[in-house]
PDB file of N, CA and C in Angstrom:
ATOM      1  N   UNK A   1       7.738 -14.926  29.886  1.00  0.00           N
ATOM      2  CA  UNK A   1       8.761 -14.319  29.054  1.00  0.00           C
ATOM      3  C   UNK A   1       8.789 -12.814  29.346  1.00  0.00           C
ATOM      4  N   UNK A   2       9.953 -12.264  29.538  1.00  0.00           N
ATOM      5  CA  UNK A   2      10.098 -10.834  29.834  1.00  0.00           C
ATOM      6  C   UNK A   2       9.724 -10.001  28.608  1.00  0.00           C
ATOM      7  N   UNK A   3       9.106  -8.862  28.848  1.00  0.00           N
ATOM      8  CA  UNK A   3       8.686  -7.949  27.785  1.00  0.00           C
ATOM      9  C   UNK A   3       9.666  -6.782  27.729  1.00  0.00           C
ATOM     10  N   UNK A   4       9.785  -6.167  26.544  1.00  0.00           N
ATOM     11  CA  UNK A   4      10.598  -4.974  26.388  1.00  0.00           C
ATOM     12  C   UNK A   4       9.848  -3.987  25.512  1.00  0.00           C
ATOM     13  N   UNK A   5      10.159  -2.734  25.636  1.00  0.00           N
ATOM     14  CA  UNK A   5       9.499  -1.677  24.882  1.00  0.00           C
ATOM     15  C   UNK A   5      10.315  -1.363  23.637  1.00  0.00           C
ATOM     16  N   UNK A   6       9.643  -1.279  22.496  1.00  0.00           N
ATOM     17  CA  UNK A   6      10.277  -0.907  21.228  1.00  0.00           C
ATOM     18  C   UNK A   6       9.561   0.324  20.702  1.00  0.00           C
ATOM     19  N   UNK A   7      10.299   1.376  20.411  1.00  0.00           N
ATOM     20  CA  UNK A   7       9.721   2.600  19.840  1.00  0.00           C
ATOM     21  C   UNK A   7       9.974   2.625  18.344  1.00  0.00           C
ATOM     22  N   UNK A   8       8.942   2.936  17.576  1.00  0.00           N
ATOM     23  CA  UNK A   8       9.049   3.007  16.116  1.00  0.00           C
ATOM     24  C   UNK A   8       8.494   4.352  15.672  1.00  0.00           C
ATOM     25  N   UNK A   9       9.236   5.051  14.843  1.00  0.00           N
ATOM     26  CA  UNK A   9       8.752   6.318  14.291  1.00  0.00           C
ATOM     27  C   UNK A   9       8.199   6.045  12.896  1.00  0.00           C
ATOM     28  N   UNK A  10       7.011   6.607  12.625  1.00  0.00           N
ATOM     29  CA  UNK A  10       6.432   6.500  11.291  1.00  0.00           C
ATOM     30  C   UNK A  10       5.519   7.682  11.054  1.00  0.00           C
ATOM     31  N   UNK A  11       5.188   7.909   9.814  1.00  0.00           N
ATOM     32  CA  UNK A  11       4.282   8.956   9.407  1.00  0.00           C
ATOM     33  C   UNK A  11       2.935   8.799  10.128  1.00  0.00           C
ATOM     34  N   UNK A  12       2.365   9.902  10.581  1.00  0.00           N
ATOM     35  CA  UNK A  12       1.126   9.866  11.344  1.00  0.00           C
ATOM     36  C   UNK A  12      -0.030   9.231  10.560  1.00  0.00           C
ATOM     37  N   UNK A  13      -0.137   9.566   9.290  1.00  0.00           N
ATOM     38  CA  UNK A  13      -1.216   9.014   8.457  1.00  0.00           C
ATOM     39  C   UNK A  13      -1.026   7.508   8.263  1.00  0.00           C
ATOM     40  N   UNK A  14       0.212   7.072   8.071  1.00  0.00           N
ATOM     41  CA  UNK A  14       0.498   5.645   7.943  1.00  0.00           C
ATOM     42  C   UNK A  14       0.098   4.905   9.212  1.00  0.00           C
ATOM     43  N   UNK A  15       0.434   5.469  10.351  1.00  0.00           N
ATOM     44  CA  UNK A  15       0.072   4.847  11.635  1.00  0.00           C
ATOM     45  C   UNK A  15      -1.436   4.711  11.760  1.00  0.00           C
ATOM     46  N   UNK A  16      -2.157   5.783  11.424  1.00  0.00           N
ATOM     47  CA  UNK A  16      -3.612   5.760  11.496  1.00  0.00           C
ATOM     48  C   UNK A  16      -4.191   4.666  10.589  1.00  0.00           C
ATOM     49  N   UNK A  17      -3.672   4.589   9.368  1.00  0.00           N
ATOM     50  CA  UNK A  17      -4.144   3.574   8.416  1.00  0.00           C
ATOM     51  C   UNK A  17      -3.806   2.162   8.884  1.00  0.00           C
ATOM     52  N   UNK A  18      -2.619   1.990   9.460  1.00  0.00           N
ATOM     53  CA  UNK A  18      -2.233   0.667   9.956  1.00  0.00           C
ATOM     54  C   UNK A  18      -3.105   0.265  11.136  1.00  0.00           C
ATOM     55  N   UNK A  19      -3.370   1.210  12.041  1.00  0.00           N
ATOM     56  CA  UNK A  19      -4.244   0.899  13.174  1.00  0.00           C
ATOM     57  C   UNK A  19      -5.624   0.459  12.696  1.00  0.00           C
ATOM     58  N   UNK A  20      -6.147   1.137  11.677  1.00  0.00           N
ATOM     59  CA  UNK A  20      -7.452   0.778  11.116  1.00  0.00           C
ATOM     60  C   UNK A  20      -7.423  -0.625  10.514  1.00  0.00           C
ATOM     61  N   UNK A  21      -6.381  -0.921   9.756  1.00  0.00           N
ATOM     62  CA  UNK A  21      -6.250  -2.248   9.148  1.00  0.00           C
ATOM     63  C   UNK A  21      -6.116  -3.323  10.210  1.00  0.00           C
ATOM     64  N   UNK A  22      -5.307  -3.060  11.215  1.00  0.00           N
ATOM     65  CA  UNK A  22      -5.150  -4.026  12.312  1.00  0.00           C
ATOM     66  C   UNK A  22      -6.488  -4.265  13.003  1.00  0.00           C
ATOM     67  N   UNK A  23      -7.233  -3.198  13.244  1.00  0.00           N
ATOM     68  CA  UNK A  23      -8.535  -3.333  13.896  1.00  0.00           C
ATOM     69  C   UNK A  23      -9.452  -4.211  13.044  1.00  0.00           C
ATOM     70  N   UNK A  24      -9.450  -3.994  11.737  1.00  0.00           N
ATOM     71  CA  UNK A  24     -10.280  -4.796  10.840  1.00  0.00           C
ATOM     72  C   UNK A  24      -9.881  -6.274  10.879  1.00  0.00           C
ATOM     73  N   UNK A  25      -8.607  -6.534  11.158  1.00  0.00           N
ATOM     74  CA  UNK A  25      -8.107  -7.909  11.250  1.00  0.00           C
ATOM     75  C   UNK A  25      -8.246  -8.476  12.658  1.00  0.00           C
ATOM     76  N   UNK A  26      -8.761  -7.679  13.600  1.00  0.00           N
ATOM     77  CA  UNK A  26      -8.970  -8.147  14.960  1.00  0.00           C
ATOM     78  C   UNK A  26      -7.714  -8.185  15.809  1.00  0.00           C
ATOM     79  N   UNK A  27      -6.793  -7.266  15.537  1.00  0.00           N
ATOM     80  CA  UNK A  27      -5.554  -7.208  16.327  1.00  0.00           C
ATOM     81  C   UNK A  27      -5.151  -5.761  16.509  1.00  0.00           C
ATOM     82  N   UNK A  28      -4.102  -5.545  17.290  1.00  0.00           N
ATOM     83  CA  UNK A  28      -3.547  -4.207  17.423  1.00  0.00           C
ATOM     84  C   UNK A  28      -2.170  -4.180  16.756  1.00  0.00           C
ATOM     85  N   UNK A  29      -1.549  -2.998  16.730  1.00  0.00           N
ATOM     86  CA  UNK A  29      -0.254  -2.877  16.062  1.00  0.00           C
ATOM     87  C   UNK A  29       0.829  -3.688  16.750  1.00  0.00           C
ATOM     88  N   UNK A  30       0.771  -3.801  18.069  1.00  0.00           N
ATOM     89  CA  UNK A  30       1.767  -4.607  18.781  1.00  0.00           C
ATOM     90  C   UNK A  30       1.723  -6.045  18.291  1.00  0.00           C
ATOM     91  N   UNK A  31       0.523  -6.591  18.160  1.00  0.00           N
ATOM     92  CA  UNK A  31       0.378  -7.964  17.677  1.00  0.00           C
ATOM     93  C   UNK A  31       0.912  -8.092  16.250  1.00  0.00           C
ATOM     94  N   UNK A  32       0.586  -7.119  15.406  1.00  0.00           N
ATOM     95  CA  UNK A  32       1.053  -7.162  14.013  1.00  0.00           C
ATOM     96  C   UNK A  32       2.580  -7.149  13.946  1.00  0.00           C
ATOM     97  N   UNK A  33       3.223  -6.264  14.706  1.00  0.00           N
ATOM     98  CA  UNK A  33       4.683  -6.208  14.696  1.00  0.00           C
ATOM     99  C   UNK A  33       5.286  -7.472  15.313  1.00  0.00           C
ATOM    100  N   UNK A  34       4.635  -8.044  16.305  1.00  0.00           N
ATOM    101  CA  UNK A  34       5.126  -9.292  16.903  1.00  0.00           C
ATOM    102  C   UNK A  34       5.049 -10.430  15.895  1.00  0.00           C
ATOM    103  N   UNK A  35       3.949 -10.501  15.148  1.00  0.00           N
ATOM    104  CA  UNK A  35       3.832 -11.521  14.093  1.00  0.00           C
ATOM    105  C   UNK A  35       4.961 -11.356  13.084  1.00  0.00           C
ATOM    106  N   UNK A  36       5.191 -10.098  12.648  1.00  0.00           N
ATOM    107  CA  UNK A  36       6.270  -9.817  11.704  1.00  0.00           C
ATOM    108  C   UNK A  36       7.626 -10.257  12.272  1.00  0.00           C
ATOM    109  N   UNK A  37       7.908  -9.896  13.534  1.00  0.00           N
ATOM    110  CA  UNK A  37       9.198 -10.223  14.148  1.00  0.00           C
ATOM    111  C   UNK A  37       9.396 -11.728  14.279  1.00  0.00           C
ATOM    112  N   UNK A  38       8.355 -12.450  14.687  1.00  0.00           N
ATOM    113  CA  UNK A  38       8.470 -13.910  14.828  1.00  0.00           C
ATOM    114  C   UNK A  38       8.708 -14.577  13.483  1.00  0.00           C
ATOM    115  N   UNK A  39       7.961 -14.154  12.467  1.00  0.00           N
ATOM    116  CA  UNK A  39       8.119 -14.761  11.144  1.00  0.00           C
ATOM    117  C   UNK A  39       9.495 -14.441  10.554  1.00  0.00           C
ATOM    118  N   UNK A  40       9.940 -13.199  10.711  1.00  0.00           N
ATOM    119  CA  UNK A  40      11.260 -12.812  10.209  1.00  0.00           C
ATOM    120  C   UNK A  40      12.364 -13.588  10.913  1.00  0.00           C
ATOM    121  N   UNK A  41      12.242 -13.736  12.225  1.00  0.00           N
ATOM    122  CA  UNK A  41      13.242 -14.466  12.999  1.00  0.00           C
ATOM    123  C   UNK A  41      13.274 -15.939  12.611  1.00  0.00           C
ATOM    124  N   UNK A  42      12.094 -16.518  12.449  1.00  0.00           N
ATOM    125  CA  UNK A  42      12.002 -17.941  12.094  1.00  0.00           C
ATOM    126  C   UNK A  42      12.553 -18.215  10.693  1.00  0.00           C
ATOM    127  N   UNK A  43      12.224 -17.342   9.723  1.00  0.00           N
ATOM    128  CA  UNK A  43      12.602 -17.578   8.328  1.00  0.00           C
ATOM    129  C   UNK A  43      13.925 -16.929   7.935  1.00  0.00           C
ATOM    130  N   UNK A  44      14.458 -16.070   8.814  1.00  0.00           N
ATOM    131  CA  UNK A  44      15.724 -15.363   8.553  1.00  0.00           C
ATOM    132  C   UNK A  44      15.664 -14.563   7.254  1.00  0.00           C
ATOM    133  N   UNK A  45      14.509 -13.892   7.044  1.00  0.00           N
ATOM    134  CA  UNK A  45      14.321 -13.053   5.865  1.00  0.00           C
ATOM    135  C   UNK A  45      13.149 -12.124   6.117  1.00  0.00           C
ATOM    136  N   UNK A  46      13.022 -11.103   5.286  1.00  0.00           N
ATOM    137  CA  UNK A  46      11.818 -10.281   5.340  1.00  0.00           C
ATOM    138  C   UNK A  46      10.704 -11.145   4.749  1.00  0.00           C
ATOM    139  N   UNK A  47       9.616 -11.332   5.470  1.00  0.00           N
ATOM    140  CA  UNK A  47       8.609 -12.321   5.056  1.00  0.00           C
ATOM    141  C   UNK A  47       7.641 -11.865   3.965  1.00  0.00           C
ATOM    142  N   UNK A  48       8.096 -10.976   3.117  1.00  0.00           N
ATOM    143  CA  UNK A  48       7.314 -10.556   1.959  1.00  0.00           C
ATOM    144  C   UNK A  48       8.274  -9.949   0.956  1.00  0.00           C
ATOM    145  N   UNK A  49       7.809  -9.846  -0.290  1.00  0.00           N
ATOM    146  CA  UNK A  49       8.655  -9.297  -1.342  1.00  0.00           C
ATOM    147  C   UNK A  49       8.757  -7.788  -1.181  1.00  0.00           C
ATOM    148  N   UNK A  50       9.963  -7.276  -1.298  1.00  0.00           N
ATOM    149  CA  UNK A  50      10.186  -5.835  -1.277  1.00  0.00           C
ATOM    150  C   UNK A  50      10.611  -5.449  -2.681  1.00  0.00           C
ATOM    151  N   UNK A  51       9.765  -4.673  -3.352  1.00  0.00           N
ATOM    152  CA  UNK A  51      10.054  -4.291  -4.728  1.00  0.00           C
ATOM    153  C   UNK A  51       9.433  -2.932  -5.024  1.00  0.00           C
ATOM    154  N   UNK A  52       9.769  -2.397  -6.162  1.00  0.00           N
ATOM    155  CA  UNK A  52       9.237  -1.117  -6.592  1.00  0.00           C
ATOM    156  C   UNK A  52       8.149  -1.384  -7.624  1.00  0.00           C
ATOM    157  N   UNK A  53       6.929  -0.927  -7.333  1.00  0.00           N
ATOM    158  CA  UNK A  53       5.813  -1.077  -8.253  1.00  0.00           C
ATOM    159  C   UNK A  53       5.949  -0.009  -9.327  1.00  0.00           C
ATOM    160  N   UNK A  54       6.098  -0.403 -10.609  1.00  0.00           N
ATOM    161  CA  UNK A  54       6.283   0.602 -11.662  1.00  0.00           C
ATOM    162  C   UNK A  54       5.109   1.562 -11.798  1.00  0.00           C
ATOM    163  N   UNK A  55       3.942   1.187 -11.300  1.00  0.00           N
ATOM    164  CA  UNK A  55       2.790   2.087 -11.355  1.00  0.00           C
ATOM    165  C   UNK A  55       3.096   3.394 -10.637  1.00  0.00           C
ATOM    166  N   UNK A  56       3.877   3.324  -9.569  1.00  0.00           N
ATOM    167  CA  UNK A  56       4.173   4.497  -8.769  1.00  0.00           C
ATOM    168  C   UNK A  56       5.450   5.212  -9.194  1.00  0.00           C
ATOM    169  N   UNK A  57       5.972   4.904 -10.384  1.00  0.00           N
ATOM    170  CA  UNK A  57       7.157   5.613 -10.858  1.00  0.00           C
ATOM    171  C   UNK A  57       6.806   7.076 -11.083  1.00  0.00           C
ATOM    172  N   UNK A  58       7.786   7.944 -10.965  1.00  0.00           N
ATOM    173  CA  UNK A  58       7.529   9.374 -11.108  1.00  0.00           C
ATOM    174  C   UNK A  58       6.988   9.702 -12.496  1.00  0.00           C
ATOM    175  N   UNK A  59       7.493   9.030 -13.530  1.00  0.00           N
ATOM    176  CA  UNK A  59       7.008   9.325 -14.884  1.00  0.00           C
ATOM    177  C   UNK A  59       5.548   8.908 -15.049  1.00  0.00           C
ATOM    178  N   UNK A  60       5.158   7.772 -14.486  1.00  0.00           N
ATOM    179  CA  UNK A  60       3.771   7.332 -14.598  1.00  0.00           C
ATOM    180  C   UNK A  60       2.849   8.239 -13.795  1.00  0.00           C
ATOM    181  N   UNK A  61       3.272   8.624 -12.582  1.00  0.00           N
ATOM    182  CA  UNK A  61       2.451   9.522 -11.782  1.00  0.00           C
ATOM    183  C   UNK A  61       2.286  10.875 -12.473  1.00  0.00           C
ATOM    184  N   UNK A  62       3.341  11.372 -13.122  1.00  0.00           N
ATOM    185  CA  UNK A  62       3.247  12.638 -13.861  1.00  0.00           C
ATOM    186  C   UNK A  62       2.256  12.498 -15.011  1.00  0.00           C
ATOM    187  N   UNK A  63       2.295  11.372 -15.705  1.00  0.00           N
ATOM    188  CA  UNK A  63       1.356  11.100 -16.805  1.00  0.00           C
ATOM    189  C   UNK A  63      -0.084  11.092 -16.273  1.00  0.00           C
ATOM    190  N   UNK A  64      -0.310  10.431 -15.144  1.00  0.00           N
ATOM    191  CA  UNK A  64      -1.648  10.381 -14.554  1.00  0.00           C
ATOM    192  C   UNK A  64      -2.117  11.769 -14.122  1.00  0.00           C
ATOM    193  N   UNK A  65      -1.191  12.573 -13.575  1.00  0.00           N
ATOM    194  CA  UNK A  65      -1.557  13.940 -13.171  1.00  0.00           C
ATOM    195  C   UNK A  65      -1.961  14.782 -14.380  1.00  0.00           C
ATOM    196  N   UNK A  66      -1.205  14.632 -15.491  1.00  0.00           N
ATOM    197  CA  UNK A  66      -1.545  15.372 -16.716  1.00  0.00           C
ATOM    198  C   UNK A  66      -2.926  14.950 -17.221  1.00  0.00           C
ATOM    199  N   UNK A  67      -3.197  13.647 -17.205  1.00  0.00           N
ATOM    200  CA  UNK A  67      -4.498  13.155 -17.648  1.00  0.00           C
ATOM    201  C   UNK A  67      -5.629  13.659 -16.772  1.00  0.00           C
ATOM    202  N   UNK A  68      -5.436  13.648 -15.464  1.00  0.00           N
ATOM    203  CA  UNK A  68      -6.460  14.129 -14.542  1.00  0.00           C
ATOM    204  C   UNK A  68      -6.693  15.623 -14.740  1.00  0.00           C
ATOM    205  N   UNK A  69      -5.618  16.382 -14.968  1.00  0.00           N
ATOM    206  CA  UNK A  69      -5.755  17.819 -15.199  1.00  0.00           C
ATOM    207  C   UNK A  69      -6.546  18.078 -16.476  1.00  0.00           C
ATOM    208  N   UNK A  70      -6.245  17.331 -17.533  1.00  0.00           N
ATOM    209  CA  UNK A  70      -6.975  17.485 -18.796  1.00  0.00           C
ATOM    210  C   UNK A  70      -8.456  17.187 -18.598  1.00  0.00           C
ATOM    211  N   UNK A  71      -8.767  16.137 -17.849  1.00  0.00           N
ATOM    212  CA  UNK A  71     -10.175  15.817 -17.575  1.00  0.00           C
ATOM    213  C   UNK A  71     -10.841  16.935 -16.780  1.00  0.00           C
ATOM    214  N   UNK A  72     -10.130  17.449 -15.771  1.00  0.00           N
ATOM    215  CA  UNK A  72     -10.672  18.539 -14.958  1.00  0.00           C
ATOM    216  C   UNK A  72     -10.943  19.786 -15.794  1.00  0.00           C
ATOM    217  N   UNK A  73     -10.141  19.998 -16.826  1.00  0.00           N
ATOM    218  CA  UNK A  73     -10.295  21.171 -17.691  1.00  0.00           C
ATOM    219  C   UNK A  73     -11.266  20.915 -18.836  1.00  0.00           C
ATOM    220  N   UNK A  74     -11.933  19.741 -18.820  1.00  0.00           N
ATOM    221  CA  UNK A  74     -12.911  19.430 -19.856  1.00  0.00           C
ATOM    222  C   UNK A  74     -12.309  19.020 -21.179  1.00  0.00           C
ATOM    223  N   UNK A  75     -11.066  18.608 -21.179  1.00  0.00           N
ATOM    224  CA  UNK A  75     -10.392  18.229 -22.420  1.00  0.00           C
ATOM    225  C   UNK A  75     -10.253  16.716 -22.546  1.00  0.00           C
ATOM    226  N   UNK A  76     -11.058  15.977 -21.802  1.00  0.00           N
ATOM    227  CA  UNK A  76     -11.003  14.517 -21.879  1.00  0.00           C
ATOM    228  C   UNK A  76     -11.681  14.016 -23.140  1.00  0.00           C
ATOM    229  N   UNK A  77     -11.370  12.810 -23.521  1.00  0.00           N
ATOM    230  CA  UNK A  77     -11.960  12.190 -24.696  1.00  0.00           C
ATOM    231  C   UNK A  77     -12.745  10.975 -24.242  1.00  0.00           C
ATOM    232  N   UNK A  78     -14.010  10.908 -24.650  1.00  0.00           N
ATOM    233  CA  UNK A  78     -14.842   9.767 -24.300  1.00  0.00           C
ATOM    234  C   UNK A  78     -14.658   8.686 -25.361  1.00  0.00           C
ATOM    235  N   UNK A  79     -14.494   7.467 -24.914  1.00  0.00           N
ATOM    236  CA  UNK A  79     -14.300   6.337 -25.817  1.00  0.00           C
ATOM    237  C   UNK A  79     -15.444   5.356 -25.649  1.00  0.00           C
ATOM    238  N   UNK A  80     -15.783   4.681 -26.722  1.00  0.00           N
ATOM    239  CA  UNK A  80     -16.785   3.637 -26.652  1.00  0.00           C
ATOM    240  C   UNK A  80     -16.166   2.419 -25.987  1.00  0.00           C
ATOM    241  N   UNK A  81     -16.983   1.672 -25.261  1.00  0.00           N
ATOM    242  CA  UNK A  81     -16.530   0.433 -24.633  1.00  0.00           C
ATOM    243  C   UNK A  81     -16.385  -0.620 -25.722  1.00  0.00           C
ATOM    244  N   UNK A  82     -15.212  -1.210 -25.808  1.00  0.00           N
ATOM    245  CA  UNK A  82     -14.976  -2.264 -26.791  1.00  0.00           C
ATOM    246  C   UNK A  82     -15.281  -3.600 -26.133  1.00  0.00           C
ATOM    247  N   UNK A  83     -16.093  -4.390 -26.775  1.00  0.00           N
ATOM    248  CA  UNK A  83     -16.427  -5.702 -26.259  1.00  0.00           C
ATOM    249  C   UNK A  83     -15.776  -6.754 -27.122  1.00  0.00           C
ATOM    250  N   UNK A  84     -15.389  -7.834 -26.488  1.00  0.00           N
ATOM    251  CA  UNK A  84     -14.763  -8.949 -27.194  1.00  0.00           C
ATOM    252  C   UNK A  84     -15.844  -9.780 -27.860  1.00  0.00           C
ATOM    253  N   UNK A  85     -15.811  -9.873 -29.184  1.00  0.00           N
ATOM    254  CA  UNK A  85     -16.827 -10.626 -29.932  1.00  0.00           C
ATOM    255  C   UNK A  85     -16.663 -12.128 -29.807  1.00  0.00           C
ATOM    256  N   UNK A  86     -15.523 -12.583 -29.272  1.00  0.00           N
ATOM    257  CA  UNK A  86     -15.258 -14.021 -29.161  1.00  0.00           C
ATOM    258  C   UNK A  86     -16.019 -14.661 -28.023  1.00  0.00           C
ATOM    259  N   UNK A  87     -16.575 -13.878 -27.112  1.00  0.00           N
ATOM    260  CA  UNK A  87     -17.246 -14.442 -25.950  1.00  0.00           C
ATOM    261  C   UNK A  87     -18.662 -14.798 -26.238  1.00  0.00           C
TER     262      UNK A  87
END
């Protein structure tokens, strides 16, 4: 089967992280993209759910930043661990 070259632009840090993940899975990025292309072609869809995780919403991230800043400034509140008495 004839081969062709495909160029993909992505963030440098994302590429580094993907290469590491691929290595951990015993493959390279070419293999990963080929798997994606074959599955997408066979199923005629993106082979995973594409959605927005509400955890990463701007309002939630701002809330987390405020909480982290308060902790850094020593204004955090320590809470006792609540245990379930039913267990």
